[in-house]
Amino acid sequence: MEIYADAVVILDTNQWDRMPMLRHGLAASLLFALRRNNLTLLLPDIVRHEVQLHLVENTKLRTRRSVKGSAKFAKS
């Protein structure tokens, strides 16, 4: 695979989790700088895999919390 860029930026999973789906003020600055300087953001497969795992774990956790909250509300 050829990459036509002056440089490459790679985020690790921790950074990706801090800026969910890169929708964050800092992420906007990063993406602006990348575009302005003809840089490329790469997402290695391992990061993609870890992010998917974190999304599943977070979804399960929030579902459990929601069910518990609904049960408490129903008892009231």
C-alpha atoms as a PDB file:
ATOM      1  CA  MET A   1       0.000   0.000   0.000  1.00  0.00           C
ATOM      2  CA  GLU A   2       1.413   3.357  -0.983  1.00  0.00           C
ATOM      3  CA  ILE A   3       0.726   6.381   1.184  1.00  0.00           C
ATOM      4  CA  TYR A   4       1.026   9.762  -0.456  1.00  0.00           C
ATOM      5  CA  ALA A   5       1.678  11.950   2.570  1.00  0.00           C
ATOM      6  CA  ASP A   6       4.486  13.946   4.103  1.00  0.00           C
ATOM      7  CA  ALA A   7       4.060  12.150   7.439  1.00  0.00           C
ATOM      8  CA  VAL A   8       1.825   9.663   9.186  1.00  0.00           C
ATOM      9  CA  VAL A   9       0.033   9.912  12.557  1.00  0.00           C
ATOM     10  CA  ILE A  10      -0.994   6.767  14.412  1.00  0.00           C
ATOM     11  CA  LEU A  11      -3.166   6.914  17.536  1.00  0.00           C
ATOM     12  CA  ASP A  12      -3.130   4.184  20.117  1.00  0.00           C
ATOM     13  CA  THR A  13      -6.301   2.774  21.661  1.00  0.00           C
ATOM     14  CA  ASN A  14      -6.083   4.994  24.742  1.00  0.00           C
ATOM     15  CA  GLN A  15      -6.072   8.118  22.600  1.00  0.00           C
ATOM     16  CA  TRP A  16      -8.935   6.828  20.483  1.00  0.00           C
ATOM     17  CA  ASP A  17     -10.970   6.134  23.657  1.00  0.00           C
ATOM     18  CA  ARG A  18     -10.291   9.653  24.948  1.00  0.00           C
ATOM     19  CA  MET A  19     -11.626  11.121  21.706  1.00  0.00           C
ATOM     20  CA  PRO A  20     -14.567   8.835  20.872  1.00  0.00           C
ATOM     21  CA  MET A  21     -14.841   8.512  17.122  1.00  0.00           C
ATOM     22  CA  LEU A  22     -12.604  11.596  16.990  1.00  0.00           C
ATOM     23  CA  ARG A  23     -15.537  13.848  17.979  1.00  0.00           C
ATOM     24  CA  HIS A  24     -13.761  16.073  20.452  1.00  0.00           C
ATOM     25  CA  GLY A  25     -12.236  19.551  20.306  1.00  0.00           C
ATOM     26  CA  LEU A  26      -8.715  18.172  20.447  1.00  0.00           C
ATOM     27  CA  ALA A  27      -9.574  15.684  17.705  1.00  0.00           C
ATOM     28  CA  ALA A  28     -10.912  18.475  15.508  1.00  0.00           C
ATOM     29  CA  SER A  29      -7.587  20.289  15.918  1.00  0.00           C
ATOM     30  CA  LEU A  30      -5.702  17.119  15.076  1.00  0.00           C
ATOM     31  CA  LEU A  31      -7.770  16.473  11.958  1.00  0.00           C
ATOM     32  CA  PHE A  32      -7.394  20.105  10.854  1.00  0.00           C
ATOM     33  CA  ALA A  33      -3.609  19.912  11.272  1.00  0.00           C
ATOM     34  CA  LEU A  34      -3.495  16.619   9.380  1.00  0.00           C
ATOM     35  CA  ARG A  35      -5.479  18.004   6.465  1.00  0.00           C
ATOM     36  CA  ARG A  36      -3.617  21.309   6.353  1.00  0.00           C
ATOM     37  CA  ASN A  37      -0.192  19.650   6.341  1.00  0.00           C
ATOM     38  CA  ASN A  38      -1.046  16.761   4.002  1.00  0.00           C
ATOM     39  CA  LEU A  39      -0.622  14.202   6.787  1.00  0.00           C
ATOM     40  CA  THR A  40      -2.341  10.849   7.103  1.00  0.00           C
ATOM     41  CA  LEU A  41      -3.996   9.252  10.119  1.00  0.00           C
ATOM     42  CA  LEU A  42      -3.626   5.481  10.230  1.00  0.00           C
ATOM     43  CA  LEU A  43      -5.643   3.104  12.356  1.00  0.00           C
ATOM     44  CA  PRO A  44      -3.789  -0.198  12.772  1.00  0.00           C
ATOM     45  CA  ASP A  45      -5.930  -3.328  12.870  1.00  0.00           C
ATOM     46  CA  ILE A  46      -5.056  -3.950  16.517  1.00  0.00           C
ATOM     47  CA  VAL A  47      -6.357  -0.504  17.494  1.00  0.00           C
ATOM     48  CA  ARG A  48      -9.523  -1.069  15.472  1.00  0.00           C
ATOM     49  CA  HIS A  49     -10.000  -4.419  17.193  1.00  0.00           C
ATOM     50  CA  GLU A  50      -9.390  -2.962  20.674  1.00  0.00           C
ATOM     51  CA  VAL A  51     -11.778  -0.072  20.010  1.00  0.00           C
ATOM     52  CA  GLN A  52     -14.470  -2.531  18.936  1.00  0.00           C
ATOM     53  CA  LEU A  53     -13.939  -4.543  22.124  1.00  0.00           C
ATOM     54  CA  HIS A  54     -14.193  -1.402  24.246  1.00  0.00           C
ATOM     55  CA  LEU A  55     -17.408  -0.387  22.482  1.00  0.00           C
ATOM     56  CA  VAL A  56     -18.950  -3.789  23.175  1.00  0.00           C
ATOM     57  CA  GLU A  57     -17.840  -3.706  26.831  1.00  0.00           C
ATOM     58  CA  ASN A  58     -19.199  -0.170  27.314  1.00  0.00           C
ATOM     59  CA  THR A  59     -22.490  -1.098  25.652  1.00  0.00           C
ATOM     60  CA  LYS A  60     -22.916  -4.130  27.914  1.00  0.00           C
ATOM     61  CA  LEU A  61     -22.102  -2.073  31.015  1.00  0.00           C
ATOM     62  CA  ARG A  62     -24.559   0.680  30.094  1.00  0.00           C
ATOM     63  CA  THR A  63     -27.239  -1.874  29.258  1.00  0.00           C
ATOM     64  CA  ARG A  64     -26.845  -3.484  32.698  1.00  0.00           C
ATOM     65  CA  ARG A  65     -27.043  -0.068  34.370  1.00  0.00           C
ATOM     66  CA  SER A  66     -30.128   0.788  32.348  1.00  0.00           C
ATOM     67  CA  VAL A  67     -31.853  -2.475  33.294  1.00  0.00           C
ATOM     68  CA  LYS A  68     -31.047  -1.933  36.981  1.00  0.00           C
ATOM     69  CA  GLY A  69     -32.341   1.641  36.770  1.00  0.00           C
ATOM     70  CA  SER A  70     -35.540   0.492  35.065  1.00  0.00           C
ATOM     71  CA  ALA A  71     -36.111  -2.178  37.733  1.00  0.00           C
ATOM     72  CA  LYS A  72     -35.698   0.406  40.511  1.00  0.00           C
ATOM     73  CA  PHE A  73     -38.070   2.781  38.736  1.00  0.00           C
ATOM     74  CA  ALA A  74     -40.680   0.033  38.237  1.00  0.00           C
ATOM     75  CA  LYS A  75     -40.634  -0.782  41.974  1.00  0.00           C
ATOM     76  CA  SER A  76     -41.357   2.833  42.901  1.00  0.00           C
END
